[in-house]
Amino acid sequence: MKQSVIQIKFESDKYHALKRYAVKKEVSVEQELEETLHRLYKKLVPVDVREYIEENEEPEKERKAKAKKPEKEEVIHECISGIKQDS
């Protein structure tokens, strides 16, 4: 699904302190913010709307999977198979 960038203002001193102590506790501020946004999304967005959005995500994932380039191993296997058939 397409991603959006969210920017917020926060007092610099508090942000620097947050980053400093997050590193000490081995916590990612970005990851914590993402988790908080997901909780807020589930809290505020009605279930039927979330289900609708999720249903629309699935066809997009399927299109991307079909358009995905073959893995290196698949290409190598196909080349080897082609060589064996030529022999």
N, C-alpha and C. Protein backbone atom coordinates (compact mmCIF):
# COMPACT_ATOMS: atom_id res chain seq x y z
N MET A 1 0.85 -1.18 0.00
CA MET A 1 0.00 0.00 0.00
C MET A 1 0.89 1.24 0.00
N LYS A 2 0.42 2.27 -0.64
CA LYS A 2 1.17 3.51 -0.71
C LYS A 2 1.36 4.08 0.69
N GLN A 3 2.54 4.58 0.96
CA GLN A 3 2.87 5.12 2.28
C GLN A 3 2.79 6.65 2.27
N SER A 4 2.40 7.23 3.39
CA SER A 4 2.38 8.68 3.56
C SER A 4 3.41 9.05 4.61
N VAL A 5 3.99 10.22 4.46
CA VAL A 5 4.95 10.74 5.43
C VAL A 5 4.21 11.69 6.34
N ILE A 6 4.42 11.50 7.65
CA ILE A 6 3.77 12.36 8.64
C ILE A 6 4.85 13.16 9.35
N GLN A 7 4.67 14.46 9.40
CA GLN A 7 5.61 15.32 10.11
C GLN A 7 4.87 16.01 11.24
N ILE A 8 5.51 16.05 12.41
CA ILE A 8 4.92 16.74 13.56
C ILE A 8 5.98 17.63 14.19
N LYS A 9 5.52 18.61 14.91
CA LYS A 9 6.44 19.48 15.66
C LYS A 9 6.49 18.99 17.10
N PHE A 10 7.71 18.99 17.65
CA PHE A 10 7.92 18.54 19.01
C PHE A 10 9.10 19.34 19.55
N GLU A 11 9.05 19.72 20.80
CA GLU A 11 10.13 20.54 21.39
C GLU A 11 11.46 19.82 21.24
N SER A 12 12.46 20.55 20.74
CA SER A 12 13.76 19.97 20.43
C SER A 12 14.42 19.31 21.64
N ASP A 13 14.41 19.98 22.79
CA ASP A 13 15.05 19.41 23.97
C ASP A 13 14.40 18.09 24.37
N LYS A 14 13.09 18.04 24.28
CA LYS A 14 12.38 16.81 24.63
C LYS A 14 12.68 15.71 23.62
N TYR A 15 12.77 16.08 22.34
CA TYR A 15 13.07 15.10 21.30
C TYR A 15 14.47 14.53 21.48
N HIS A 16 15.44 15.37 21.77
CA HIS A 16 16.81 14.89 21.97
C HIS A 16 16.89 13.97 23.19
N ALA A 17 16.17 14.32 24.25
CA ALA A 17 16.14 13.46 25.44
C ALA A 17 15.47 12.13 25.10
N LEU A 18 14.39 12.18 24.34
CA LEU A 18 13.69 10.97 23.93
C LEU A 18 14.60 10.06 23.13
N LYS A 19 15.30 10.62 22.15
CA LYS A 19 16.23 9.82 21.34
C LYS A 19 17.34 9.23 22.20
N ARG A 20 17.87 10.02 23.11
CA ARG A 20 18.98 9.56 23.96
C ARG A 20 18.57 8.36 24.81
N TYR A 21 17.41 8.45 25.45
CA TYR A 21 16.98 7.36 26.32
C TYR A 21 16.41 6.18 25.55
N ALA A 22 15.91 6.44 24.37
CA ALA A 22 15.44 5.34 23.53
C ALA A 22 16.62 4.47 23.12
N VAL A 23 17.74 5.10 22.78
CA VAL A 23 18.94 4.34 22.42
C VAL A 23 19.41 3.52 23.60
N LYS A 24 19.40 4.10 24.80
CA LYS A 24 19.84 3.37 26.00
C LYS A 24 18.96 2.15 26.25
N LYS A 25 17.67 2.27 25.95
CA LYS A 25 16.74 1.16 26.17
C LYS A 25 16.59 0.29 24.93
N GLU A 26 17.40 0.60 23.91
CA GLU A 26 17.37 -0.13 22.64
C GLU A 26 15.96 -0.17 22.04
N VAL A 27 15.36 1.02 21.98
CA VAL A 27 14.02 1.19 21.43
C VAL A 27 14.11 2.17 20.27
N SER A 28 13.40 1.87 19.18
CA SER A 28 13.35 2.78 18.04
C SER A 28 12.18 3.74 18.21
N VAL A 29 12.47 5.03 18.21
CA VAL A 29 11.41 6.03 18.33
C VAL A 29 10.44 5.89 17.16
N GLU A 30 10.99 5.68 15.95
CA GLU A 30 10.15 5.54 14.77
C GLU A 30 9.22 4.34 14.89
N GLN A 31 9.75 3.22 15.37
CA GLN A 31 8.94 2.00 15.53
C GLN A 31 7.84 2.23 16.58
N GLU A 32 8.18 2.89 17.65
CA GLU A 32 7.18 3.19 18.69
C GLU A 32 6.09 4.09 18.14
N LEU A 33 6.46 5.07 17.32
CA LEU A 33 5.47 5.96 16.72
C LEU A 33 4.56 5.20 15.76
N GLU A 34 5.15 4.30 14.96
CA GLU A 34 4.35 3.49 14.04
C GLU A 34 3.34 2.64 14.80
N GLU A 35 3.79 2.00 15.88
CA GLU A 35 2.89 1.17 16.68
C GLU A 35 1.77 2.01 17.29
N THR A 36 2.11 3.21 17.74
CA THR A 36 1.10 4.10 18.32
C THR A 36 0.09 4.53 17.25
N LEU A 37 0.56 4.79 16.04
CA LEU A 37 -0.35 5.15 14.95
C LEU A 37 -1.29 4.00 14.60
N HIS A 38 -0.77 2.78 14.61
CA HIS A 38 -1.61 1.62 14.33
C HIS A 38 -2.70 1.46 15.40
N ARG A 39 -2.32 1.67 16.66
CA ARG A 39 -3.33 1.59 17.74
C ARG A 39 -4.38 2.68 17.58
N LEU A 40 -3.95 3.89 17.23
CA LEU A 40 -4.87 5.01 17.04
C LEU A 40 -5.80 4.73 15.85
N TYR A 41 -5.24 4.17 14.79
CA TYR A 41 -6.03 3.81 13.61
C TYR A 41 -7.12 2.81 13.99
N LYS A 42 -6.74 1.77 14.74
CA LYS A 42 -7.73 0.76 15.14
C LYS A 42 -8.77 1.34 16.09
N LYS A 43 -8.37 2.29 16.89
CA LYS A 43 -9.28 2.90 17.85
C LYS A 43 -10.30 3.82 17.16
N LEU A 44 -9.85 4.58 16.16
CA LEU A 44 -10.70 5.61 15.58
C LEU A 44 -11.42 5.21 14.29
N VAL A 45 -10.80 4.35 13.49
CA VAL A 45 -11.40 3.99 12.19
C VAL A 45 -12.36 2.82 12.40
N PRO A 46 -13.61 2.95 11.96
CA PRO A 46 -14.58 1.87 12.14
C PRO A 46 -14.11 0.57 11.45
N VAL A 47 -14.52 -0.55 12.03
CA VAL A 47 -14.11 -1.87 11.55
C VAL A 47 -14.46 -2.05 10.07
N ASP A 48 -15.66 -1.66 9.67
CA ASP A 48 -16.05 -1.87 8.27
C ASP A 48 -15.17 -1.09 7.30
N VAL A 49 -14.71 0.08 7.70
CA VAL A 49 -13.82 0.87 6.85
C VAL A 49 -12.45 0.20 6.78
N ARG A 50 -11.95 -0.29 7.93
CA ARG A 50 -10.66 -1.00 7.93
C ARG A 50 -10.73 -2.24 7.06
N GLU A 51 -11.84 -2.98 7.13
CA GLU A 51 -11.99 -4.19 6.31
C GLU A 51 -12.00 -3.83 4.83
N TYR A 52 -12.67 -2.76 4.48
CA TYR A 52 -12.72 -2.31 3.08
C TYR A 52 -11.32 -1.99 2.58
N ILE A 53 -10.56 -1.28 3.39
CA ILE A 53 -9.19 -0.92 3.01
C ILE A 53 -8.34 -2.17 2.85
N GLU A 54 -8.47 -3.12 3.77
CA GLU A 54 -7.70 -4.36 3.70
C GLU A 54 -8.07 -5.18 2.47
N GLU A 55 -9.34 -5.21 2.11
CA GLU A 55 -9.77 -5.94 0.91
C GLU A 55 -9.16 -5.34 -0.34
N ASN A 56 -9.02 -4.03 -0.38
CA ASN A 56 -8.42 -3.36 -1.54
C ASN A 56 -6.91 -3.54 -1.59
N GLU A 57 -6.28 -3.84 -0.45
CA GLU A 57 -4.84 -4.10 -0.41
C GLU A 57 -4.51 -5.42 -1.08
N GLU A 58 -5.33 -6.44 -0.90
CA GLU A 58 -5.03 -7.77 -1.40
C GLU A 58 -4.86 -7.82 -2.92
N PRO A 59 -5.77 -7.24 -3.73
CA PRO A 59 -5.54 -7.27 -5.18
C PRO A 59 -4.25 -6.55 -5.58
N GLU A 60 -3.89 -5.50 -4.86
CA GLU A 60 -2.66 -4.77 -5.16
C GLU A 60 -1.45 -5.66 -4.90
N LYS A 61 -1.47 -6.42 -3.82
CA LYS A 61 -0.37 -7.34 -3.50
C LYS A 61 -0.27 -8.44 -4.55
N GLU A 62 -1.42 -8.92 -5.02
CA GLU A 62 -1.43 -9.97 -6.05
C GLU A 62 -0.84 -9.44 -7.35
N ARG A 63 -1.18 -8.20 -7.72
CA ARG A 63 -0.63 -7.60 -8.96
C ARG A 63 0.88 -7.47 -8.84
N LYS A 64 1.35 -7.05 -7.69
CA LYS A 64 2.79 -6.90 -7.50
C LYS A 64 3.49 -8.25 -7.54
N ALA A 65 2.87 -9.27 -6.99
CA ALA A 65 3.47 -10.60 -6.99
C ALA A 65 3.58 -11.13 -8.42
N LYS A 66 2.59 -10.88 -9.25
CA LYS A 66 2.62 -11.33 -10.64
C LYS A 66 3.67 -10.58 -11.44
N ALA A 67 3.82 -9.30 -11.15
CA ALA A 67 4.76 -8.47 -11.89
C ALA A 67 6.19 -8.64 -11.38
N LYS A 68 6.36 -9.30 -10.25
CA LYS A 68 7.68 -9.47 -9.64
C LYS A 68 8.60 -10.24 -10.56
N LYS A 69 9.84 -9.81 -10.64
CA LYS A 69 10.82 -10.50 -11.45
C LYS A 69 11.13 -11.86 -10.83
N PRO A 70 11.46 -12.84 -11.66
CA PRO A 70 11.79 -14.15 -11.10
C PRO A 70 13.07 -14.08 -10.27
N GLU A 71 13.14 -14.91 -9.26
CA GLU A 71 14.32 -14.99 -8.40
C GLU A 71 15.50 -15.51 -9.20
N LYS A 72 16.72 -15.20 -8.75
CA LYS A 72 17.92 -15.68 -9.43
C LYS A 72 17.91 -17.19 -9.55
N GLU A 73 17.50 -17.86 -8.47
CA GLU A 73 17.49 -19.33 -8.47
C GLU A 73 16.55 -19.85 -9.55
N GLU A 74 15.41 -19.21 -9.74
CA GLU A 74 14.46 -19.63 -10.76
C GLU A 74 15.06 -19.47 -12.15
N VAL A 75 15.74 -18.35 -12.38
CA VAL A 75 16.36 -18.09 -13.68
C VAL A 75 17.45 -19.11 -13.94
N ILE A 76 18.29 -19.40 -12.94
CA ILE A 76 19.36 -20.38 -13.09
C ILE A 76 18.77 -21.75 -13.40
N HIS A 77 17.72 -22.12 -12.66
CA HIS A 77 17.08 -23.42 -12.88
C HIS A 77 16.54 -23.52 -14.31
N GLU A 78 15.91 -22.44 -14.78
CA GLU A 78 15.37 -22.44 -16.14
C GLU A 78 16.49 -22.56 -17.16
N CYS A 79 17.62 -21.90 -16.92
CA CYS A 79 18.76 -21.99 -17.84
C CYS A 79 19.32 -23.41 -17.86
N ILE A 80 19.48 -24.02 -16.70
CA ILE A 80 19.99 -25.38 -16.61
C ILE A 80 19.04 -26.34 -17.30
N SER A 81 17.75 -26.16 -17.08
CA SER A 81 16.75 -27.01 -17.72
C SER A 81 16.83 -26.89 -19.24
N GLY A 82 17.04 -25.67 -19.72
CA GLY A 82 17.14 -25.44 -21.15
C GLY A 82 18.38 -26.11 -21.73
N ILE A 83 19.48 -26.08 -20.99
CA ILE A 83 20.72 -26.72 -21.44
C ILE A 83 20.53 -28.23 -21.50
N LYS A 84 19.91 -28.81 -20.50
CA LYS A 84 19.68 -30.26 -20.47
C LYS A 84 18.82 -30.71 -21.64
N GLN A 85 17.81 -29.88 -21.98
CA GLN A 85 16.92 -30.25 -23.09
C GLN A 85 17.65 -30.17 -24.42
N ASP A 86 18.60 -29.25 -24.54
CA ASP A 86 19.37 -29.10 -25.79
C ASP A 86 20.34 -30.25 -25.98
N SER A 87 20.76 -30.89 -24.90
CA SER A 87 21.77 -31.96 -24.98
C SER A 87 21.21 -33.23 -25.55
